[in-house]
Amino acid sequence: MGTGFEFKPRILGFLCNWCCYAGADLAGVSRYQYPPHIRVIRLMCSGRVDLAFILRAFSNGTDGVFIGGCWLGECHYITEGNYDALSMMHLCRKLLEHIGVNPDRLRLEWVSASEGIRFAEIMNDFTRKLKELGPLGIGEGRDVNGLKLKLEAARNLVPYIKLVERERLRVHFDTEDEYNEFFTSDEVNWLFDELIGDKLSLSQIMLLLRERPLSTGEISEILGLSLSEVSRHLNISARKGLTRFSERQKRFAPA
């Protein structure tokens, strides 16, 4: 009799010390059942979850990342870090989608210290959805190594992305719906493509060229970018002295 393989998603959870972590503890004490696939990192506030943490988790093969914080308006700090977590989550989901990772692999929820059963229900639902998506990369129909390269390219851009967020995307609203509306607006989509999307593509190209010299066509095939887009980025990088073209090899390489 054959035995089927059951996919058990790897989940990394960043939990606020004051609310969600206490809720998770209550779920355990109360023996509420949820899959044991989550590995927990406790932070003092959900606003301390850095974009680089999430990208590193996915680079290491994590199938899903969960962020749990206090309900909006109930943060234990004057700075109300859970609003920062909400903005960061929206920006990170756009980034993940851009590089080919299903944004549903990143989830943010509010759980109070008294909501142990809510924590268990969320974990059960998140695990179920990750099982439907499948393993990271494979579930997206992407080459795993190629996806790792794109995640590394995104990690290299984190300082720049934070600067863009601070200067152009820093907002404060009262409700989640307002954040959803803002980050799905045409204006934000345009800003993301213009200020982050192009830089991300160039970062991917530079990582590829560090491995070996490549032609425009080879880069286009590996990254799934159009020939014209690759040519544009290579021309820009050559003018900045980042790359050079070898007439003998007919390929680009780092300068």
Protein backbone atom coordinates (compact mmCIF):
# COMPACT_ATOMS: atom_id res chain seq x y z
CA MET A 1 0.00 0.00 0.00
CA GLY A 2 1.48 3.35 -1.02
CA THR A 3 1.78 6.20 1.38
CA GLY A 4 1.00 9.72 0.23
CA PHE A 5 3.16 12.68 1.21
CA GLU A 6 1.37 15.24 3.36
CA PHE A 7 2.70 18.73 2.90
CA LYS A 8 3.24 20.40 6.28
CA PRO A 9 3.89 24.10 5.70
CA ARG A 10 6.67 25.81 7.59
CA ILE A 11 5.29 28.92 9.31
CA LEU A 12 7.26 31.61 11.10
CA GLY A 13 5.29 33.79 13.49
CA PHE A 14 6.27 37.22 14.81
CA LEU A 15 4.07 37.81 17.86
CA CYS A 16 3.59 40.94 19.94
CA ASN A 17 4.57 40.25 23.55
CA TRP A 18 1.59 42.02 25.12
CA CYS A 19 -1.30 40.66 23.08
CA CYS A 20 -0.80 37.97 20.46
CA TYR A 21 1.93 36.08 22.29
CA ALA A 22 -0.25 36.04 25.41
CA GLY A 23 -3.17 34.88 23.25
CA ALA A 24 -1.03 32.06 21.84
CA ASP A 25 -0.03 31.10 25.37
CA LEU A 26 -3.69 31.03 26.40
CA ALA A 27 -4.47 28.80 23.42
CA GLY A 28 -1.87 26.34 24.65
CA VAL A 29 -3.01 26.43 28.27
CA SER A 30 -6.63 25.99 27.16
CA ARG A 31 -5.61 23.09 24.87
CA TYR A 32 -7.16 24.65 21.77
CA GLN A 33 -6.05 22.53 18.83
CA TYR A 34 -4.06 23.95 15.90
CA PRO A 35 -1.29 22.47 13.70
CA PRO A 36 2.18 22.59 15.30
CA HIS A 37 3.84 23.99 12.18
CA ILE A 38 4.47 27.49 13.52
CA ARG A 39 7.77 28.61 15.01
CA VAL A 40 7.37 31.73 17.14
CA ILE A 41 9.56 34.78 17.61
CA ARG A 42 8.34 37.09 20.39
CA LEU A 43 8.80 40.83 19.93
CA MET A 44 7.77 43.68 22.19
CA CYS A 45 5.63 45.16 19.41
CA SER A 46 4.41 44.09 15.98
CA GLY A 47 5.83 47.39 14.69
CA ARG A 48 9.30 45.95 15.29
CA VAL A 49 8.87 43.40 12.49
CA ASP A 50 11.31 44.53 9.83
CA LEU A 51 10.82 44.01 6.10
CA ALA A 52 14.19 42.25 6.03
CA PHE A 53 12.97 39.67 8.58
CA ILE A 54 10.15 38.59 6.30
CA LEU A 55 12.27 38.40 3.16
CA ARG A 56 14.93 36.42 5.04
CA ALA A 57 12.30 33.98 6.27
CA PHE A 58 11.08 33.31 2.74
CA SER A 59 14.68 33.07 1.47
CA ASN A 60 15.22 30.30 4.02
CA GLY A 61 12.30 28.32 2.63
CA THR A 62 9.53 29.33 5.03
CA ASP A 63 6.13 28.70 3.40
CA GLY A 64 4.24 31.35 5.33
CA VAL A 65 4.92 34.28 7.66
CA PHE A 66 2.43 35.37 10.31
CA ILE A 67 2.47 38.67 12.19
CA GLY A 68 0.27 39.00 15.27
CA GLY A 69 -0.28 42.26 17.11
CA CYS A 70 -2.65 44.21 19.33
CA TRP A 71 -5.91 45.46 17.89
CA LEU A 72 -5.65 48.92 16.32
CA GLY A 73 -6.06 51.56 19.00
CA GLU A 74 -4.91 49.16 21.73
CA CYS A 75 -1.13 49.22 21.25
CA HIS A 76 0.79 49.36 24.52
CA TYR A 77 3.12 52.03 23.19
CA ILE A 78 2.61 55.71 22.43
CA THR A 79 4.00 55.23 18.92
CA GLU A 80 1.19 52.71 18.10
CA GLY A 81 3.52 50.32 16.33
CA ASN A 82 0.71 48.13 15.01
CA TYR A 83 -0.12 50.87 12.47
CA ASP A 84 3.51 50.67 11.27
CA ALA A 85 3.11 46.88 11.02
CA LEU A 86 0.00 47.35 8.88
CA SER A 87 1.79 49.68 6.45
CA MET A 88 4.81 47.38 6.28
CA MET A 89 2.59 44.36 5.60
CA HIS A 90 0.89 46.08 2.65
CA LEU A 91 4.23 47.18 1.17
CA CYS A 92 5.76 43.74 1.64
CA ARG A 93 2.79 42.01 0.00
CA LYS A 94 3.22 44.26 -3.06
CA LEU A 95 6.92 43.40 -3.11
CA LEU A 96 6.26 39.66 -2.83
CA GLU A 97 3.71 39.76 -5.64
CA HIS A 98 6.17 41.66 -7.83
CA ILE A 99 8.85 38.97 -7.47
CA GLY A 100 6.47 36.06 -7.94
CA VAL A 101 5.56 35.01 -4.38
CA ASN A 102 1.87 34.66 -3.58
CA PRO A 103 1.15 37.58 -1.19
CA ASP A 104 -1.28 35.38 0.75
CA ARG A 105 1.79 33.71 2.27
CA LEU A 106 2.14 36.80 4.47
CA ARG A 107 -0.64 37.35 7.00
CA LEU A 108 -1.24 40.00 9.66
CA GLU A 109 -3.91 39.59 12.35
CA TRP A 110 -4.89 41.27 15.60
CA VAL A 111 -5.23 39.00 18.62
CA SER A 112 -5.72 40.18 22.21
CA ALA A 113 -4.36 38.40 25.27
CA SER A 114 -7.81 36.97 26.02
CA GLU A 115 -8.40 35.56 22.51
CA GLY A 116 -6.71 32.20 22.69
CA ILE A 117 -9.44 30.54 20.64
CA ARG A 118 -9.11 33.25 17.96
CA PHE A 119 -5.36 32.56 17.70
CA ALA A 120 -6.02 28.84 17.25
CA GLU A 121 -8.68 29.50 14.59
CA ILE A 122 -6.35 31.82 12.67
CA MET A 123 -3.53 29.28 12.74
CA ASN A 124 -5.84 26.53 11.50
CA ASP A 125 -7.11 28.73 8.68
CA PHE A 126 -3.63 29.97 7.70
CA THR A 127 -2.26 26.40 7.65
CA ARG A 128 -5.17 25.25 5.49
CA LYS A 129 -4.58 28.04 2.97
CA LEU A 130 -0.84 27.36 2.84
CA LYS A 131 -1.54 23.69 2.16
CA GLU A 132 -3.73 24.77 -0.75
CA LEU A 133 -0.92 27.00 -2.06
CA GLY A 134 1.71 24.27 -1.72
CA PRO A 135 5.43 24.66 -0.92
CA LEU A 136 7.01 28.04 -1.53
CA GLY A 137 8.01 28.43 -5.17
CA ILE A 138 6.57 25.11 -6.28
CA GLY A 139 3.08 26.33 -5.46
CA GLU A 140 3.70 29.42 -7.62
CA GLY A 141 5.10 27.36 -10.47
CA ARG A 142 8.45 29.10 -10.04
CA ASP A 143 11.99 27.82 -10.13
CA VAL A 144 13.09 27.67 -6.50
CA ASN A 145 16.62 28.92 -7.17
CA GLY A 146 15.31 31.75 -9.32
CA LEU A 147 12.91 32.75 -6.58
CA LYS A 148 15.72 32.77 -4.02
CA LEU A 149 17.69 35.11 -6.27
CA LYS A 150 14.75 37.50 -6.50
CA LEU A 151 14.27 37.42 -2.73
CA GLU A 152 17.97 38.15 -2.23
CA ALA A 153 17.71 41.05 -4.66
CA ALA A 154 14.78 42.41 -2.66
CA ARG A 155 16.72 42.03 0.60
CA ASN A 156 19.58 44.04 -0.88
CA LEU A 157 17.14 46.87 -1.57
CA VAL A 158 15.59 47.01 1.92
CA PRO A 159 17.40 50.23 2.99
CA TYR A 160 16.28 51.95 -0.21
CA ILE A 161 12.71 50.64 0.10
CA LYS A 162 12.52 51.96 3.65
CA LEU A 163 13.62 55.37 2.38
CA VAL A 164 10.90 55.34 -0.29
CA GLU A 165 8.32 54.31 2.31
CA ARG A 166 9.36 57.09 4.67
CA GLU A 167 9.46 59.82 2.04
CA ARG A 168 6.56 58.86 -0.25
CA LEU A 169 4.36 56.19 1.36
CA ARG A 170 4.28 57.08 5.06
CA VAL A 171 0.62 57.54 6.05
CA HIS A 172 -1.52 57.20 9.14
CA PHE A 173 -5.20 56.31 8.93
CA ASP A 174 -7.68 55.19 11.56
CA THR A 175 -9.05 52.06 9.89
CA GLU A 176 -7.73 49.05 7.99
CA ASP A 177 -10.07 49.82 5.08
CA GLU A 178 -8.32 53.16 4.57
CA TYR A 179 -4.94 51.43 4.45
CA ASN A 180 -6.29 48.87 1.98
CA GLU A 181 -7.68 51.62 -0.24
CA PHE A 182 -4.45 53.62 -0.15
CA PHE A 183 -2.08 50.74 -0.93
CA THR A 184 -4.25 49.45 -3.79
CA SER A 185 -4.67 52.90 -5.35
CA ASP A 186 -3.37 53.72 -8.82
CA GLU A 187 -1.07 56.35 -7.33
CA VAL A 188 0.69 53.89 -5.04
CA ASN A 189 0.91 51.27 -7.80
CA TRP A 190 2.57 53.84 -10.06
CA LEU A 191 4.98 54.94 -7.32
CA PHE A 192 5.88 51.33 -6.58
CA ASP A 193 6.63 50.53 -10.22
CA GLU A 194 8.60 53.72 -10.78
CA LEU A 195 10.58 53.88 -7.55
CA ILE A 196 10.92 50.24 -6.47
CA GLY A 197 10.07 47.95 -9.39
CA ASP A 198 12.84 49.20 -11.66
CA LYS A 199 15.44 49.13 -8.89
CA LEU A 200 14.40 45.57 -8.05
CA SER A 201 14.88 44.40 -11.64
CA LEU A 202 18.33 46.01 -11.78
CA SER A 203 19.25 44.38 -8.46
CA GLN A 204 18.29 40.97 -9.87
CA ILE A 205 20.37 41.55 -12.99
CA MET A 206 23.42 42.54 -10.96
CA LEU A 207 23.15 39.38 -8.83
CA LEU A 208 22.99 37.23 -11.97
CA LEU A 209 26.03 38.90 -13.50
CA ARG A 210 28.06 38.25 -10.35
CA GLU A 211 27.66 34.54 -11.07
CA ARG A 212 28.75 34.65 -14.71
CA PRO A 213 28.67 36.90 -17.81
CA LEU A 214 25.31 36.78 -19.59
CA SER A 215 23.76 38.07 -22.79
CA THR A 216 20.62 40.19 -22.88
CA GLY A 217 18.61 37.22 -24.09
CA GLU A 218 19.87 34.94 -21.33
CA ILE A 219 19.00 37.49 -18.65
CA SER A 220 15.56 37.96 -20.17
CA GLU A 221 14.89 34.23 -20.13
CA ILE A 222 16.10 33.69 -16.56
CA LEU A 223 14.24 36.62 -15.00
CA GLY A 224 11.16 36.59 -17.21
CA LEU A 225 11.71 40.21 -18.25
CA SER A 226 11.24 41.54 -21.78
CA LEU A 227 14.32 42.08 -23.94
CA SER A 228 13.64 45.82 -24.11
CA GLU A 229 13.38 46.05 -20.32
CA VAL A 230 16.64 44.16 -19.82
CA SER A 231 18.38 46.32 -22.43
CA ARG A 232 17.18 49.48 -20.72
CA HIS A 233 18.49 48.37 -17.33
CA LEU A 234 21.83 47.28 -18.82
CA ASN A 235 22.26 50.60 -20.61
CA ILE A 236 21.58 52.48 -17.39
CA SER A 237 23.96 50.29 -15.39
CA ALA A 238 26.67 50.67 -18.05
CA ARG A 239 26.37 54.47 -17.95
CA LYS A 240 26.76 54.33 -14.17
CA GLY A 241 29.83 52.14 -14.49
CA LEU A 242 28.20 49.10 -12.91
CA THR A 243 28.45 46.77 -15.93
CA ARG A 244 30.55 46.40 -19.05
CA PHE A 245 29.97 44.63 -22.36
CA SER A 246 32.55 42.19 -23.71
CA GLU A 247 32.73 42.30 -27.49
CA ARG A 248 34.61 39.02 -27.53
CA GLN A 249 32.07 37.11 -25.40
CA LYS A 250 29.06 39.18 -26.51
CA ARG A 251 27.97 39.23 -22.90
CA PHE A 252 27.62 41.64 -20.00
CA ALA A 253 29.61 41.37 -16.78
CA PRO A 254 30.10 43.52 -13.66
CA ALA A 255 32.48 46.42 -14.29
